[in-house]
């Protein structure tokens, strides 16, 4: 039981140290390599066409943009 308590206190201290570090530096945790963007790769897959879910998201976003443009156009102010 003492091992469990010791491990719990250790992890709690690490989380507390990371929280204090974040509050002091205001930097987010980041990897060392910079991810795919550092390699010049825009997306993870090299598919010539996006998947259905992404197409739906893009269509939804385009419809939203059209609505916002229409709203701005018809705005009284």
PDB file of N, CA and C in Angstrom:
ATOM      1  N   UNK A   1       0.815  -1.190   0.000  1.00  0.00           N
ATOM      2  CA  UNK A   1       0.000   0.000   0.000  1.00  0.00           C
ATOM      3  C   UNK A   1       0.865   1.262   0.000  1.00  0.00           C
ATOM      4  N   UNK A   2       1.982   1.197   0.687  1.00  0.00           N
ATOM      5  CA  UNK A   2       2.858   2.369   0.743  1.00  0.00           C
ATOM      6  C   UNK A   2       3.465   2.670  -0.638  1.00  0.00           C
ATOM      7  N   UNK A   3       3.697   1.635  -1.450  1.00  0.00           N
ATOM      8  CA  UNK A   3       4.220   1.837  -2.810  1.00  0.00           C
ATOM      9  C   UNK A   3       3.206   2.610  -3.652  1.00  0.00           C
ATOM     10  N   UNK A   4       1.941   2.230  -3.530  1.00  0.00           N
ATOM     11  CA  UNK A   4       0.879   2.917  -4.264  1.00  0.00           C
ATOM     12  C   UNK A   4       0.802   4.384  -3.852  1.00  0.00           C
ATOM     13  N   UNK A   5       0.834   4.649  -2.580  1.00  0.00           N
ATOM     14  CA  UNK A   5       0.748   6.025  -2.086  1.00  0.00           C
ATOM     15  C   UNK A   5       1.961   6.831  -2.549  1.00  0.00           C
ATOM     16  N   UNK A   6       3.140   6.217  -2.501  1.00  0.00           N
ATOM     17  CA  UNK A   6       4.356   6.896  -2.940  1.00  0.00           C
ATOM     18  C   UNK A   6       4.286   7.222  -4.436  1.00  0.00           C
ATOM     19  N   UNK A   7       3.827   6.264  -5.245  1.00  0.00           N
ATOM     20  CA  UNK A   7       3.698   6.494  -6.687  1.00  0.00           C
ATOM     21  C   UNK A   7       2.664   7.582  -6.967  1.00  0.00           C
ATOM     22  N   UNK A   8       1.545   7.560  -6.257  1.00  0.00           N
ATOM     23  CA  UNK A   8       0.509   8.557  -6.439  1.00  0.00           C
ATOM     24  C   UNK A   8       1.028   9.952  -6.097  1.00  0.00           C
ATOM     25  N   UNK A   9       1.746  10.072  -5.000  1.00  0.00           N
ATOM     26  CA  UNK A   9       2.311  11.360  -4.597  1.00  0.00           C
ATOM     27  C   UNK A   9       3.327  11.836  -5.632  1.00  0.00           C
ATOM     28  N   UNK A  10       4.133  10.926  -6.163  1.00  0.00           N
ATOM     29  CA  UNK A  10       5.123  11.281  -7.179  1.00  0.00           C
ATOM     30  C   UNK A  10       4.440  11.844  -8.423  1.00  0.00           C
ATOM     31  N   UNK A  11       3.423  11.139  -8.932  1.00  0.00           N
ATOM     32  CA  UNK A  11       2.730  11.613 -10.129  1.00  0.00           C
ATOM     33  C   UNK A  11       1.974  12.910  -9.861  1.00  0.00           C
ATOM     34  N   UNK A  12       1.415  13.052  -8.692  1.00  0.00           N
ATOM     35  CA  UNK A  12       0.742  14.287  -8.325  1.00  0.00           C
ATOM     36  C   UNK A  12       1.738  15.453  -8.305  1.00  0.00           C
ATOM     37  N   UNK A  13       2.938  15.206  -7.798  1.00  0.00           N
ATOM     38  CA  UNK A  13       3.980  16.239  -7.771  1.00  0.00           C
ATOM     39  C   UNK A  13       4.405  16.615  -9.195  1.00  0.00           C
ATOM     40  N   UNK A  14       4.496  15.631 -10.094  1.00  0.00           N
ATOM     41  CA  UNK A  14       4.870  15.917 -11.483  1.00  0.00           C
ATOM     42  C   UNK A  14       3.801  16.757 -12.176  1.00  0.00           C
ATOM     43  N   UNK A  15       2.540  16.421 -11.966  1.00  0.00           N
ATOM     44  CA  UNK A  15       1.446  17.194 -12.565  1.00  0.00           C
ATOM     45  C   UNK A  15       1.457  18.613 -12.005  1.00  0.00           C
ATOM     46  N   UNK A  16       1.678  18.751 -10.737  1.00  0.00           N
ATOM     47  CA  UNK A  16       1.748  20.074 -10.115  1.00  0.00           C
ATOM     48  C   UNK A  16       2.918  20.880 -10.682  1.00  0.00           C
ATOM     49  N   UNK A  17       4.059  20.230 -10.866  1.00  0.00           N
ATOM     50  CA  UNK A  17       5.225  20.917 -11.425  1.00  0.00           C
ATOM     51  C   UNK A  17       4.954  21.374 -12.859  1.00  0.00           C
ATOM     52  N   UNK A  18       4.288  20.536 -13.661  1.00  0.00           N
ATOM     53  CA  UNK A  18       3.959  20.931 -15.030  1.00  0.00           C
ATOM     54  C   UNK A  18       2.969  22.091 -15.032  1.00  0.00           C
ATOM     55  N   UNK A  19       2.007  22.076 -14.116  1.00  0.00           N
ATOM     56  CA  UNK A  19       1.028  23.162 -14.036  1.00  0.00           C
ATOM     57  C   UNK A  19       1.707  24.474 -13.672  1.00  0.00           C
ATOM     58  N   UNK A  20       2.596  24.435 -12.707  1.00  0.00           N
ATOM     59  CA  UNK A  20       3.321  25.647 -12.306  1.00  0.00           C
ATOM     60  C   UNK A  20       4.196  26.127 -13.464  1.00  0.00           C
ATOM     61  N   UNK A  21       4.845  25.208 -14.150  1.00  0.00           N
ATOM     62  CA  UNK A  21       5.673  25.575 -15.301  1.00  0.00           C
ATOM     63  C   UNK A  21       4.864  26.237 -16.394  1.00  0.00           C
ATOM     64  N   UNK A  22       3.663  25.743 -16.636  1.00  0.00           N
ATOM     65  CA  UNK A  22       2.804  26.349 -17.646  1.00  0.00           C
ATOM     66  C   UNK A  22       2.380  27.754 -17.220  1.00  0.00           C
ATOM     67  N   UNK A  23       2.003  27.901 -15.961  1.00  0.00           N
ATOM     68  CA  UNK A  23       1.558  29.215 -15.486  1.00  0.00           C
ATOM     69  C   UNK A  23       2.681  30.245 -15.537  1.00  0.00           C
ATOM     70  N   UNK A  24       3.909  29.827 -15.323  1.00  0.00           N
ATOM     71  CA  UNK A  24       5.046  30.744 -15.321  1.00  0.00           C
ATOM     72  C   UNK A  24       5.453  31.108 -16.751  1.00  0.00           C
ATOM     73  N   UNK A  25       5.572  30.108 -17.639  1.00  0.00           N
ATOM     74  CA  UNK A  25       6.096  30.353 -18.976  1.00  0.00           C
ATOM     75  C   UNK A  25       5.030  30.603 -20.028  1.00  0.00           C
ATOM     76  N   UNK A  26       3.807  30.144 -19.809  1.00  0.00           N
ATOM     77  CA  UNK A  26       2.711  30.272 -20.775  1.00  0.00           C
ATOM     78  C   UNK A  26       3.062  29.634 -22.124  1.00  0.00           C
ATOM     79  N   UNK A  27       3.817  28.553 -22.088  1.00  0.00           N
ATOM     80  CA  UNK A  27       4.166  27.818 -23.296  1.00  0.00           C
ATOM     81  C   UNK A  27       3.439  26.480 -23.261  1.00  0.00           C
ATOM     82  N   UNK A  28       2.917  26.066 -24.402  1.00  0.00           N
ATOM     83  CA  UNK A  28       2.265  24.770 -24.473  1.00  0.00           C
ATOM     84  C   UNK A  28       3.304  23.679 -24.669  1.00  0.00           C
ATOM     85  N   UNK A  29       2.926  22.475 -24.362  1.00  0.00           N
ATOM     86  CA  UNK A  29       3.812  21.338 -24.560  1.00  0.00           C
ATOM     87  C   UNK A  29       3.922  21.084 -26.058  1.00  0.00           C
ATOM     88  N   UNK A  30       5.133  20.929 -26.561  1.00  0.00           N
ATOM     89  CA  UNK A  30       5.324  20.687 -27.992  1.00  0.00           C
ATOM     90  C   UNK A  30       6.386  19.621 -28.191  1.00  0.00           C
ATOM     91  N   UNK A  31       6.299  18.968 -29.317  1.00  0.00           N
ATOM     92  CA  UNK A  31       7.255  17.924 -29.643  1.00  0.00           C
ATOM     93  C   UNK A  31       8.567  18.516 -30.115  1.00  0.00           C
ATOM     94  N   UNK A  32       9.569  17.676 -30.233  1.00  0.00           N
ATOM     95  CA  UNK A  32      10.889  18.162 -30.633  1.00  0.00           C
ATOM     96  C   UNK A  32      11.034  18.273 -32.141  1.00  0.00           C
ATOM     97  N   UNK A  33      10.227  17.525 -32.902  1.00  0.00           N
ATOM     98  CA  UNK A  33      10.438  17.504 -34.352  1.00  0.00           C
ATOM     99  C   UNK A  33       9.526  18.474 -35.099  1.00  0.00           C
ATOM    100  N   UNK A  34       8.455  18.946 -34.502  1.00  0.00           N
ATOM    101  CA  UNK A  34       7.589  19.902 -35.168  1.00  0.00           C
ATOM    102  C   UNK A  34       6.479  19.269 -35.986  1.00  0.00           C
ATOM    103  N   UNK A  35       6.406  17.964 -36.031  1.00  0.00           N
ATOM    104  CA  UNK A  35       5.314  17.287 -36.730  1.00  0.00           C
ATOM    105  C   UNK A  35       5.479  17.272 -38.234  1.00  0.00           C
ATOM    106  N   UNK A  36       4.392  16.957 -38.940  1.00  0.00           N
ATOM    107  CA  UNK A  36       4.430  16.845 -40.388  1.00  0.00           C
ATOM    108  C   UNK A  36       4.643  18.188 -41.069  1.00  0.00           C
ATOM    109  N   UNK A  37       4.199  19.270 -40.435  1.00  0.00           N
ATOM    110  CA  UNK A  37       4.372  20.597 -41.018  1.00  0.00           C
ATOM    111  C   UNK A  37       5.835  20.962 -41.205  1.00  0.00           C
ATOM    112  N   UNK A  38       6.689  20.474 -40.334  1.00  0.00           N
ATOM    113  CA  UNK A  38       8.121  20.767 -40.447  1.00  0.00           C
ATOM    114  C   UNK A  38       8.746  20.072 -41.651  1.00  0.00           C
ATOM    115  N   UNK A  39       8.102  18.994 -42.098  1.00  0.00           N
ATOM    116  CA  UNK A  39       8.611  18.253 -43.247  1.00  0.00           C
ATOM    117  C   UNK A  39       8.030  18.753 -44.561  1.00  0.00           C
ATOM    118  N   UNK A  40       7.111  19.707 -44.491  1.00  0.00           N
ATOM    119  CA  UNK A  40       6.495  20.229 -45.705  1.00  0.00           C
ATOM    120  C   UNK A  40       5.319  19.393 -46.186  1.00  0.00           C
ATOM    121  N   UNK A  41       4.791  18.537 -45.334  1.00  0.00           N
ATOM    122  CA  UNK A  41       3.665  17.681 -45.692  1.00  0.00           C
ATOM    123  C   UNK A  41       2.391  18.348 -45.181  1.00  0.00           C
ATOM    124  N   UNK A  42       1.432  18.601 -46.093  1.00  0.00           N
ATOM    125  CA  UNK A  42       0.208  19.293 -45.698  1.00  0.00           C
ATOM    126  C   UNK A  42      -0.789  18.366 -45.015  1.00  0.00           C
ATOM    127  N   UNK A  43      -0.854  17.124 -45.441  1.00  0.00           N
ATOM    128  CA  UNK A  43      -1.820  16.198 -44.857  1.00  0.00           C
ATOM    129  C   UNK A  43      -1.182  14.833 -44.683  1.00  0.00           C
ATOM    130  N   UNK A  44      -1.785  14.022 -43.840  1.00  0.00           N
ATOM    131  CA  UNK A  44      -1.199  12.732 -43.497  1.00  0.00           C
ATOM    132  C   UNK A  44      -1.335  11.711 -44.618  1.00  0.00           C
ATOM    133  N   UNK A  45      -2.435  11.745 -45.355  1.00  0.00           N
ATOM    134  CA  UNK A  45      -2.600  10.778 -46.446  1.00  0.00           C
ATOM    135  C   UNK A  45      -2.376  11.477 -47.777  1.00  0.00           C
ATOM    136  N   UNK A  46      -1.975  10.722 -48.761  1.00  0.00           N
ATOM    137  CA  UNK A  46      -1.720  11.275 -50.088  1.00  0.00           C
ATOM    138  C   UNK A  46      -2.858  10.948 -51.047  1.00  0.00           C
ATOM    139  N   UNK A  47      -4.070  10.919 -50.544  1.00  0.00           N
ATOM    140  CA  UNK A  47      -5.230  10.607 -51.366  1.00  0.00           C
ATOM    141  C   UNK A  47      -5.471  11.748 -52.356  1.00  0.00           C
ATOM    142  N   UNK A  48      -5.792  11.431 -53.598  1.00  0.00           N
ATOM    143  CA  UNK A  48      -6.059  12.499 -54.563  1.00  0.00           C
ATOM    144  C   UNK A  48      -7.361  13.234 -54.263  1.00  0.00           C
ATOM    145  N   UNK A  49      -8.250  12.574 -53.553  1.00  0.00           N
ATOM    146  CA  UNK A  49      -9.557  13.148 -53.247  1.00  0.00           C
ATOM    147  C   UNK A  49      -9.854  12.936 -51.762  1.00  0.00           C
ATOM    148  N   UNK A  50     -10.426  13.931 -51.077  1.00  0.00           N
ATOM    149  CA  UNK A  50     -10.716  13.760 -49.654  1.00  0.00           C
ATOM    150  C   UNK A  50     -11.817  12.729 -49.403  1.00  0.00           C
ATOM    151  N   UNK A  51     -11.857  12.195 -48.199  1.00  0.00           N
ATOM    152  CA  UNK A  51     -12.865  11.200 -47.849  1.00  0.00           C
ATOM    153  C   UNK A  51     -14.240  11.862 -47.719  1.00  0.00           C
ATOM    154  N   UNK A  52     -15.275  11.047 -47.597  1.00  0.00           N
ATOM    155  CA  UNK A  52     -16.652  11.552 -47.552  1.00  0.00           C
ATOM    156  C   UNK A  52     -16.897  12.470 -46.365  1.00  0.00           C
ATOM    157  N   UNK A  53     -16.360  12.096 -45.204  1.00  0.00           N
ATOM    158  CA  UNK A  53     -16.557  12.933 -44.015  1.00  0.00           C
ATOM    159  C   UNK A  53     -15.939  14.313 -44.203  1.00  0.00           C
ATOM    160  N   UNK A  54     -14.744  14.354 -44.807  1.00  0.00           N
ATOM    161  CA  UNK A  54     -14.090  15.641 -45.035  1.00  0.00           C
ATOM    162  C   UNK A  54     -14.861  16.459 -46.066  1.00  0.00           C
ATOM    163  N   UNK A  55     -15.397  15.794 -47.095  1.00  0.00           N
ATOM    164  CA  UNK A  55     -16.209  16.504 -48.087  1.00  0.00           C
ATOM    165  C   UNK A  55     -17.439  17.120 -47.427  1.00  0.00           C
ATOM    166  N   UNK A  56     -18.075  16.369 -46.526  1.00  0.00           N
ATOM    167  CA  UNK A  56     -19.247  16.895 -45.824  1.00  0.00           C
ATOM    168  C   UNK A  56     -18.873  18.110 -44.981  1.00  0.00           C
ATOM    169  N   UNK A  57     -17.732  18.023 -44.285  1.00  0.00           N
ATOM    170  CA  UNK A  57     -17.273  19.161 -43.479  1.00  0.00           C
ATOM    171  C   UNK A  57     -17.000  20.375 -44.361  1.00  0.00           C
ATOM    172  N   UNK A  58     -16.359  20.145 -45.519  1.00  0.00           N
ATOM    173  CA  UNK A  58     -16.050  21.250 -46.412  1.00  0.00           C
ATOM    174  C   UNK A  58     -17.328  21.867 -46.972  1.00  0.00           C
ATOM    175  N   UNK A  59     -18.311  21.034 -47.322  1.00  0.00           N
ATOM    176  CA  UNK A  59     -19.585  21.544 -47.824  1.00  0.00           C
ATOM    177  C   UNK A  59     -20.301  22.354 -46.754  1.00  0.00           C
ATOM    178  N   UNK A  60     -20.279  21.842 -45.520  1.00  0.00           N
ATOM    179  CA  UNK A  60     -20.922  22.545 -44.412  1.00  0.00           C
ATOM    180  C   UNK A  60     -20.239  23.892 -44.165  1.00  0.00           C
ATOM    181  N   UNK A  61     -18.913  23.913 -44.218  1.00  0.00           N
ATOM    182  CA  UNK A  61     -18.163  25.145 -44.013  1.00  0.00           C
ATOM    183  C   UNK A  61     -18.431  26.138 -45.143  1.00  0.00           C
ATOM    184  N   UNK A  62     -18.509  25.649 -46.385  1.00  0.00           N
ATOM    185  CA  UNK A  62     -18.792  26.530 -47.520  1.00  0.00           C
ATOM    186  C   UNK A  62     -20.186  27.126 -47.399  1.00  0.00           C
ATOM    187  N   UNK A  63     -21.167  26.317 -46.967  1.00  0.00           N
ATOM    188  CA  UNK A  63     -22.527  26.822 -46.785  1.00  0.00           C
ATOM    189  C   UNK A  63     -22.556  27.887 -45.695  1.00  0.00           C
ATOM    190  N   UNK A  64     -21.804  27.671 -44.646  1.00  0.00           N
ATOM    191  CA  UNK A  64     -21.739  28.660 -43.561  1.00  0.00           C
ATOM    192  C   UNK A  64     -21.126  29.963 -44.058  1.00  0.00           C
ATOM    193  N   UNK A  65     -20.064  29.854 -44.847  1.00  0.00           N
ATOM    194  CA  UNK A  65     -19.419  31.045 -45.402  1.00  0.00           C
ATOM    195  C   UNK A  65     -20.379  31.806 -46.324  1.00  0.00           C
ATOM    196  N   UNK A  66     -21.148  31.076 -47.127  1.00  0.00           N
ATOM    197  CA  UNK A  66     -22.127  31.723 -48.007  1.00  0.00           C
ATOM    198  C   UNK A  66     -23.188  32.451 -47.187  1.00  0.00           C
ATOM    199  N   UNK A  67     -23.653  31.807 -46.112  1.00  0.00           N
ATOM    200  CA  UNK A  67     -24.655  32.443 -45.249  1.00  0.00           C
ATOM    201  C   UNK A  67     -24.092  33.708 -44.608  1.00  0.00           C
ATOM    202  N   UNK A  68     -22.854  33.638 -44.134  1.00  0.00           N
ATOM    203  CA  UNK A  68     -22.240  34.818 -43.529  1.00  0.00           C
ATOM    204  C   UNK A  68     -22.060  35.941 -44.543  1.00  0.00           C
ATOM    205  N   UNK A  69     -21.668  35.595 -45.766  1.00  0.00           N
ATOM    206  CA  UNK A  69     -21.496  36.607 -46.807  1.00  0.00           C
ATOM    207  C   UNK A  69     -22.841  37.241 -47.149  1.00  0.00           C
ATOM    208  N   UNK A  70     -23.888  36.413 -47.226  1.00  0.00           N
ATOM    209  CA  UNK A  70     -25.229  36.931 -47.506  1.00  0.00           C
ATOM    210  C   UNK A  70     -25.701  37.830 -46.364  1.00  0.00           C
ATOM    211  N   UNK A  71     -25.432  37.428 -45.152  1.00  0.00           N
ATOM    212  CA  UNK A  71     -25.825  38.219 -43.998  1.00  0.00           C
ATOM    213  C   UNK A  71     -25.115  39.572 -44.017  1.00  0.00           C
ATOM    214  N   UNK A  72     -23.807  39.556 -44.311  1.00  0.00           N
ATOM    215  CA  UNK A  72     -23.029  40.804 -44.372  1.00  0.00           C
ATOM    216  C   UNK A  72     -23.560  41.722 -45.476  1.00  0.00           C
ATOM    217  N   UNK A  73     -23.945  41.110 -46.580  1.00  0.00           N
ATOM    218  CA  UNK A  73     -24.455  41.876 -47.720  1.00  0.00           C
ATOM    219  C   UNK A  73     -25.780  42.544 -47.380  1.00  0.00           C
ATOM    220  N   UNK A  74     -26.630  41.868 -46.621  1.00  0.00           N
ATOM    221  CA  UNK A  74     -27.952  42.385 -46.282  1.00  0.00           C
ATOM    222  C   UNK A  74     -27.988  43.146 -44.961  1.00  0.00           C
ATOM    223  N   UNK A  75     -26.834  43.344 -44.374  1.00  0.00           N
ATOM    224  CA  UNK A  75     -26.758  44.033 -43.102  1.00  0.00           C
ATOM    225  C   UNK A  75     -27.130  45.505 -43.267  1.00  0.00           C
ATOM    226  N   UNK A  76     -27.873  46.042 -42.325  1.00  0.00           N
ATOM    227  CA  UNK A  76     -28.355  47.418 -42.418  1.00  0.00           C
ATOM    228  C   UNK A  76     -27.251  48.418 -42.107  1.00  0.00           C
ATOM    229  N   UNK A  77     -26.464  48.123 -41.125  1.00  0.00           N
ATOM    230  CA  UNK A  77     -25.417  49.064 -40.725  1.00  0.00           C
ATOM    231  C   UNK A  77     -24.417  49.127 -41.794  1.00  0.00           C
TER     232      UNK A  77
END
